[in-house]
Every structure is written in structure tokens, then in C-alpha cells.
Amino acid sequence: MRKFASVFGGGKPVIGMVHIGAMPGTPLYDADGGIQALLDGARRDLQALQAAGFDAVMFGNENDRPYEFDVDTASTATMAWIIGALRSEIKVPFGVNVLWDPMSTVALAAATGAKFVREIFTGTYASDMGPWTPDAGKAMRYRDRLGASDVAMLYNVSAEFAHSLDQRPLADRARSAVFSSIPDAVLVSGQITGEAARMEDLEAVKKVLPDTPVLANTGVKHATVADVLAIADGCVVGSALKIDGDTWKPVDADRAAEFMALARAAR
């Protein structure tokens, strides 16, 4: 709880996603717009989220589909350049997530001064990308070797685009991850980006982890944020803030402001 509180303060933080466009070398990259277009889009979304009053932001490469476990160095380097270019404009704590690569995520955090990271650090999964076996011990030790031991580690324990090969109930897996891998928070997700985590999953995980922050990681919407925050210790939100609620569109400033007004009322 100490490190989580040092990053987010008291209360239940609401973290808004800055989904950077597809990186150079990925199939959806906009070569005509180039890196400048990626920077312009990230700046626009960052400004909208900060104006709406989000407690923190997280930069992610959601558009780098098809996803990889060993992310191309170009993606990580481009994300670092964009965050560096925006660094003086970031007024709230920020985190990073390089999908689905814990080591690149940790390296990006160390390079940019991010306060927290989000990734799949534990478990064994059958996924759209193939067999998925992250190594929390390796990632945590790498963080410390890079001199970034103050970076808070947010563990997503219900992987999107995947099925856990560990047949223990989610709550048991979450409790075990906290005991064995010492995350600073646990995140509960739906099956894909923008799809809500089941409320019964949130409730079950929070019940067995009363002293660990548990956040809803996907699919939180305007209509559900009050119910989510009645159970969870915070949430990550992206798709609901976009134009028409479409994950791949820019942040809608009005939707973002409305979401935070509802979140503040719920808290």
C-alpha cells in the first residue's frame, strides 16, 4: 500500500489511457503521418485527460496489433521519444505499458521517469499470440537493476486475449500472486480491451486481498463507474473516453470530463 499511496495519494485513483498510435515497423503504422502524427495525437489526448481532472495517465501501445511478447525495440524507443517530448506537459503521475512485454515496459519506465507500470507479470496462458509465460521475478529484478525500484508494479492478473491454463479460481491466483510476487496493486480485466471485468470477479479478488489495492482494468463506463468504485480501489479507463466510445478514436474531451464528474461523485 505504501508505494501505491506514494504514487496516487489517498482515495481511489482514476487512470486515463493515452493510446499512442501504431509504432514504426508495425502493420498499422501511418507512414504518411509519421512520428509527428503520433506525438500530436498523444498530446491531444493527454491535454484532454488532464483538463478533465484525471488522477493519473498511462501511455500504451494499444495500436501495435498484432501484439507481441518480445516487442520490437523501435516501438519502445518511439514511445520513449514521445513521452520525453511531452514530459514538461505532464502534470499528473504517469505510467507506461508496452504490450505484452514486461521487460520493455520496465525499461521504458526507467528511461522516462514513469511512476508506475502495468503488465501481465504472472501466470501461464493460452493466448491469441501463442503460449504466454511471463516472469515476474525477472521483471522485478530488472527494475531494481535499472535503479527504478520506486516504480509501482500494477499486475494484471486476468489476461486479455487469453485463457489461463492455471485452473485455480481467479481470486486464488490473485492472492497467490500477491504472496509470491509482491505487486503494488492487482488489476482485474475483461476478455478484451474495452470489455468490462465481471463484477463478481472484482468482488472475489477484493475479498481475498483487503490490504492490497485492486483496480478494474478494462471496460469501465459512465454507467458503471459508480458501481465499480463501490468495490474496487480505483480503475483504468480508455475506450469509454473516446469519440463514440471507440477504442481507436481520439479522446472526447466532453466524455472525459463527464466520466470524471461521475467518478468524483462516486468517490
Protein backbone atom coordinates (compact mmCIF):
# COMPACT_ATOMS: atom_id res chain seq x y z
CA MET A 1 0.00 0.00 0.00
CA ARG A 2 2.88 2.41 0.76
CA LYS A 3 4.18 2.66 -2.79
CA PHE A 4 0.68 2.80 -4.29
CA ALA A 5 -0.22 5.64 -1.93
CA SER A 6 3.01 7.48 -2.69
CA VAL A 7 2.13 7.50 -6.39
CA PHE A 8 -1.61 8.10 -6.28
CA GLY A 9 -2.24 9.64 -2.86
CA GLY A 10 -5.40 8.85 -0.97
CA GLY A 11 -8.77 7.94 -2.42
CA LYS A 12 -9.49 5.78 -5.43
CA PRO A 13 -7.44 6.87 -8.44
CA VAL A 14 -8.89 7.01 -11.93
CA ILE A 15 -6.19 6.44 -14.55
CA GLY A 16 -6.86 7.62 -18.10
CA MET A 17 -5.24 5.91 -21.08
CA VAL A 18 -3.19 7.71 -23.71
CA HIS A 19 -3.32 5.17 -26.54
CA ILE A 20 -0.43 6.13 -28.81
CA GLY A 21 -0.94 5.30 -32.48
CA ALA A 22 0.73 2.34 -34.16
CA MET A 23 4.52 2.50 -33.96
CA PRO A 24 7.03 2.39 -36.84
CA GLY A 25 7.51 -1.16 -38.07
CA THR A 26 4.03 -2.33 -37.06
CA PRO A 27 1.32 -3.20 -39.63
CA LEU A 28 -0.97 -0.26 -38.79
CA TYR A 29 1.72 2.43 -38.74
CA ASP A 30 0.76 5.62 -40.59
CA ALA A 31 3.92 6.25 -42.58
CA ASP A 32 2.47 9.43 -44.12
CA GLY A 33 1.77 11.00 -40.73
CA GLY A 34 4.99 9.67 -39.28
CA ILE A 35 6.19 10.09 -35.73
CA GLN A 36 4.95 13.68 -35.61
CA ALA A 37 1.37 12.44 -36.01
CA LEU A 38 1.91 10.03 -33.10
CA LEU A 39 3.19 12.89 -30.95
CA ASP A 40 0.31 15.18 -31.94
CA GLY A 41 -2.28 12.51 -31.11
CA ALA A 42 -0.71 11.70 -27.75
CA ARG A 43 -0.51 15.40 -26.85
CA ARG A 44 -4.17 15.94 -27.74
CA ASP A 45 -5.31 13.02 -25.58
CA LEU A 46 -3.03 13.98 -22.70
CA GLN A 47 -4.38 17.52 -22.67
CA ALA A 48 -7.99 16.31 -22.72
CA LEU A 49 -7.43 13.89 -19.83
CA GLN A 50 -5.61 16.42 -17.69
CA ALA A 51 -8.25 19.08 -18.36
CA ALA A 52 -10.91 16.59 -17.25
CA GLY A 53 -9.12 16.08 -13.94
CA PHE A 54 -7.86 12.50 -14.20
CA ASP A 55 -5.70 11.46 -11.28
CA ALA A 56 -3.04 9.85 -13.50
CA VAL A 57 -2.43 8.87 -17.10
CA MET A 58 -0.88 5.82 -18.68
CA PHE A 59 0.82 5.66 -22.07
CA GLY A 60 0.27 2.44 -24.01
CA ASN A 61 0.88 0.98 -27.47
CA GLU A 62 -2.63 -0.42 -27.85
CA ASN A 63 -2.48 0.11 -31.61
CA ASP A 64 0.55 -2.15 -32.18
CA ARG A 65 -1.57 -5.03 -33.42
CA PRO A 66 -0.91 -7.92 -33.86
CA TYR A 67 0.57 -7.89 -30.38
CA GLU A 68 3.92 -9.42 -29.46
CA PHE A 69 5.58 -10.79 -26.34
CA ASP A 70 9.05 -9.62 -27.40
CA VAL A 71 8.32 -6.11 -28.61
CA ASP A 72 10.41 -4.54 -31.37
CA THR A 73 12.93 -2.05 -29.99
CA ALA A 74 11.52 0.57 -32.37
CA SER A 75 8.20 0.59 -30.50
CA THR A 76 9.79 1.08 -27.11
CA ALA A 77 12.19 3.72 -28.44
CA THR A 78 9.38 5.61 -30.17
CA MET A 79 7.27 5.58 -27.03
CA ALA A 80 10.24 6.91 -25.05
CA TRP A 81 10.74 9.72 -27.56
CA ILE A 82 7.07 10.71 -27.47
CA ILE A 83 6.88 10.67 -23.67
CA GLY A 84 10.13 12.64 -23.50
CA ALA A 85 8.74 15.25 -25.88
CA LEU A 86 5.64 15.56 -23.68
CA ARG A 87 7.43 15.36 -20.33
CA SER A 88 7.19 19.06 -19.48
CA GLU A 89 3.44 18.99 -20.22
CA ILE A 90 2.59 16.04 -17.96
CA LYS A 91 1.10 17.43 -14.75
CA VAL A 92 -0.10 14.20 -13.10
CA PRO A 93 1.62 10.90 -12.23
CA PHE A 94 2.10 8.79 -15.34
CA GLY A 95 2.67 5.15 -16.08
CA VAL A 96 3.59 3.04 -19.10
CA ASN A 97 2.63 -0.29 -20.63
CA VAL A 98 4.35 -1.89 -23.63
CA LEU A 99 2.01 -4.69 -24.67
CA TRP A 100 2.73 -7.54 -23.87
CA ASP A 101 6.35 -7.26 -22.82
CA PRO A 102 7.19 -6.83 -19.11
CA MET A 103 10.88 -6.19 -19.73
CA SER A 104 10.27 -3.46 -22.31
CA THR A 105 7.65 -1.94 -20.02
CA VAL A 106 10.09 -1.77 -17.13
CA ALA A 107 12.84 -0.37 -19.37
CA LEU A 108 10.50 2.33 -20.69
CA ALA A 109 9.52 3.31 -17.15
CA ALA A 110 13.15 3.63 -16.10
CA ALA A 111 14.01 5.69 -19.19
CA THR A 112 11.11 8.13 -18.91
CA GLY A 113 10.68 8.51 -15.14
CA ALA A 114 7.28 6.84 -15.07
CA LYS A 115 5.81 6.32 -11.61
CA PHE A 116 4.08 3.00 -12.36
CA VAL A 117 3.82 0.18 -14.87
CA ARG A 118 1.04 -2.19 -15.88
CA GLU A 119 1.54 -5.61 -17.42
CA ILE A 120 0.86 -9.33 -17.20
CA PHE A 121 3.68 -10.39 -14.88
CA THR A 122 2.40 -13.73 -13.59
CA GLY A 123 0.55 -16.82 -14.78
CA THR A 124 0.51 -19.18 -17.74
CA TYR A 125 -1.93 -18.64 -20.59
CA ALA A 126 -3.06 -19.90 -23.97
CA SER A 127 -3.49 -16.70 -25.95
CA ASP A 128 -4.10 -15.22 -29.39
CA MET A 129 -0.35 -14.59 -29.51
CA GLY A 130 0.61 -18.16 -28.54
CA PRO A 131 1.76 -19.64 -25.21
CA TRP A 132 2.18 -16.88 -22.64
CA THR A 133 4.54 -17.35 -19.69
CA PRO A 134 5.65 -14.04 -18.14
CA ASP A 135 8.35 -13.94 -15.47
CA ALA A 136 7.62 -11.57 -12.57
CA GLY A 137 10.90 -12.34 -10.81
CA LYS A 138 12.92 -11.39 -13.87
CA ALA A 139 10.97 -8.17 -14.43
CA MET A 140 11.17 -7.10 -10.78
CA ARG A 141 14.92 -7.71 -10.61
CA TYR A 142 15.39 -5.85 -13.90
CA ARG A 143 13.51 -2.86 -12.47
CA ASP A 144 15.82 -2.75 -9.49
CA ARG A 145 18.96 -3.17 -11.61
CA LEU A 146 17.86 -0.14 -13.64
CA GLY A 147 17.63 1.94 -10.48
CA ALA A 148 13.85 2.20 -10.71
CA SER A 149 12.86 0.41 -7.50
CA ASP A 150 10.37 3.18 -6.69
CA VAL A 151 8.28 2.34 -9.77
CA ALA A 152 4.97 0.82 -8.65
CA MET A 153 4.16 -2.52 -10.26
CA LEU A 154 0.50 -3.00 -11.25
CA TYR A 155 -0.16 -6.66 -12.02
CA ASN A 156 -2.97 -7.52 -14.40
CA VAL A 157 -3.99 -10.98 -13.14
CA SER A 158 -6.69 -11.75 -15.74
CA ALA A 159 -5.02 -11.52 -19.13
CA GLU A 160 -6.96 -10.17 -22.08
CA PHE A 161 -6.99 -12.17 -25.35
CA ALA A 162 -6.12 -15.29 -23.36
CA HIS A 163 -7.28 -18.19 -21.23
CA SER A 164 -5.49 -19.09 -18.02
CA LEU A 165 -4.08 -22.60 -18.01
CA ASP A 166 -3.99 -22.37 -14.21
CA GLN A 167 -7.43 -23.64 -13.24
CA ARG A 168 -7.47 -22.16 -9.75
CA PRO A 169 -10.20 -19.54 -9.32
CA LEU A 170 -9.12 -16.01 -10.19
CA ALA A 171 -9.25 -14.93 -6.53
CA ASP A 172 -6.85 -17.72 -5.57
CA ARG A 173 -4.47 -16.81 -8.36
CA ALA A 174 -4.56 -13.16 -7.33
CA ARG A 175 -3.91 -14.00 -3.69
CA SER A 176 -1.02 -16.25 -4.66
CA ALA A 177 0.48 -13.56 -6.92
CA VAL A 178 0.46 -11.07 -4.07
CA PHE A 179 2.14 -13.55 -1.73
CA SER A 180 4.81 -14.70 -4.20
CA SER A 181 5.42 -11.68 -6.41
CA ILE A 182 4.73 -8.60 -4.20
CA PRO A 183 2.83 -6.36 -6.64
CA ASP A 184 1.84 -2.87 -5.56
CA ALA A 185 -1.67 -3.34 -6.97
CA VAL A 186 -3.71 -6.03 -8.69
CA LEU A 187 -5.80 -5.34 -11.79
CA VAL A 188 -8.85 -7.30 -12.94
CA SER A 189 -9.77 -7.27 -16.64
CA GLY A 190 -12.36 -8.41 -19.12
CA GLN A 191 -11.62 -10.69 -22.06
CA ILE A 192 -10.54 -7.95 -24.48
CA THR A 193 -9.74 -4.24 -24.50
CA GLY A 194 -12.84 -2.22 -23.68
CA GLU A 195 -14.76 -5.20 -22.28
CA ALA A 196 -15.70 -4.96 -18.61
CA ALA A 197 -14.31 -7.16 -15.88
CA ARG A 198 -17.08 -9.17 -14.26
CA MET A 199 -18.28 -7.55 -11.05
CA GLU A 200 -18.21 -10.93 -9.30
CA ASP A 201 -14.51 -11.22 -10.21
CA LEU A 202 -13.76 -7.79 -8.76
CA GLU A 203 -15.67 -8.66 -5.61
CA ALA A 204 -13.95 -12.04 -5.20
CA VAL A 205 -10.45 -10.63 -5.68
CA LYS A 206 -11.05 -7.70 -3.35
CA LYS A 207 -12.48 -10.02 -0.70
CA VAL A 208 -9.28 -12.07 -0.52
CA LEU A 209 -7.00 -9.01 -0.84
CA PRO A 210 -8.38 -6.49 1.66
CA ASP A 211 -4.95 -4.90 2.17
CA THR A 212 -3.88 -4.74 -1.49
CA PRO A 213 -5.20 -2.16 -3.96
CA VAL A 214 -7.47 -3.87 -6.51
CA LEU A 215 -8.39 -1.92 -9.65
CA ALA A 216 -10.78 -2.53 -12.53
CA ASN A 217 -8.59 -2.55 -15.62
CA THR A 218 -10.93 -2.64 -18.63
CA GLY A 219 -14.42 -1.72 -19.75
CA VAL A 220 -15.38 0.78 -17.06
CA LYS A 221 -18.08 3.05 -18.49
CA HIS A 222 -20.01 6.13 -17.46
CA ALA A 223 -22.97 3.99 -16.45
CA THR A 224 -20.87 1.60 -14.35
CA VAL A 225 -18.12 3.69 -12.75
CA ALA A 226 -20.08 4.24 -9.52
CA ASP A 227 -20.72 0.52 -9.10
CA VAL A 228 -17.09 -0.31 -9.90
CA LEU A 229 -15.68 2.20 -7.41
CA ALA A 230 -18.01 0.88 -4.72
CA ILE A 231 -15.91 -2.32 -4.87
CA ALA A 232 -12.56 -1.50 -6.44
CA ASP A 233 -9.79 0.77 -5.18
CA GLY A 234 -9.63 2.61 -8.50
CA CYS A 235 -9.85 1.98 -12.22
CA VAL A 236 -8.11 2.31 -15.56
CA VAL A 237 -10.26 3.68 -18.38
CA GLY A 238 -9.67 4.20 -22.08
CA SER A 239 -12.37 3.23 -24.56
CA ALA A 240 -15.25 4.92 -22.71
CA LEU A 241 -13.49 8.27 -23.06
CA LYS A 242 -13.08 8.10 -26.83
CA ILE A 243 -15.27 9.60 -29.53
CA ASP A 244 -18.31 7.32 -29.83
CA GLY A 245 -16.73 5.06 -27.20
CA ASP A 246 -14.46 3.65 -29.93
CA THR A 247 -11.08 2.46 -28.62
CA TRP A 248 -9.26 3.54 -31.78
CA LYS A 249 -10.54 7.12 -31.89
CA PRO A 250 -9.17 10.18 -30.02
CA VAL A 251 -10.27 11.11 -26.51
CA ASP A 252 -13.51 13.10 -26.48
CA ALA A 253 -12.93 15.97 -24.06
CA ASP A 254 -16.61 16.17 -23.10
CA ARG A 255 -16.90 12.41 -22.46
CA ALA A 256 -13.73 12.51 -20.38
CA ALA A 257 -14.98 15.41 -18.27
CA GLU A 258 -18.35 13.73 -17.75
CA PHE A 259 -16.66 10.48 -16.70
CA MET A 260 -14.53 12.22 -14.08
CA ALA A 261 -17.54 14.12 -12.74
CA LEU A 262 -19.29 10.79 -12.21
CA ALA A 263 -16.17 9.25 -10.65
CA ARG A 264 -15.76 12.15 -8.22
CA ALA A 265 -19.39 11.88 -7.20
CA ALA A 266 -18.99 8.13 -6.65
CA ARG A 267 -15.88 8.59 -4.53
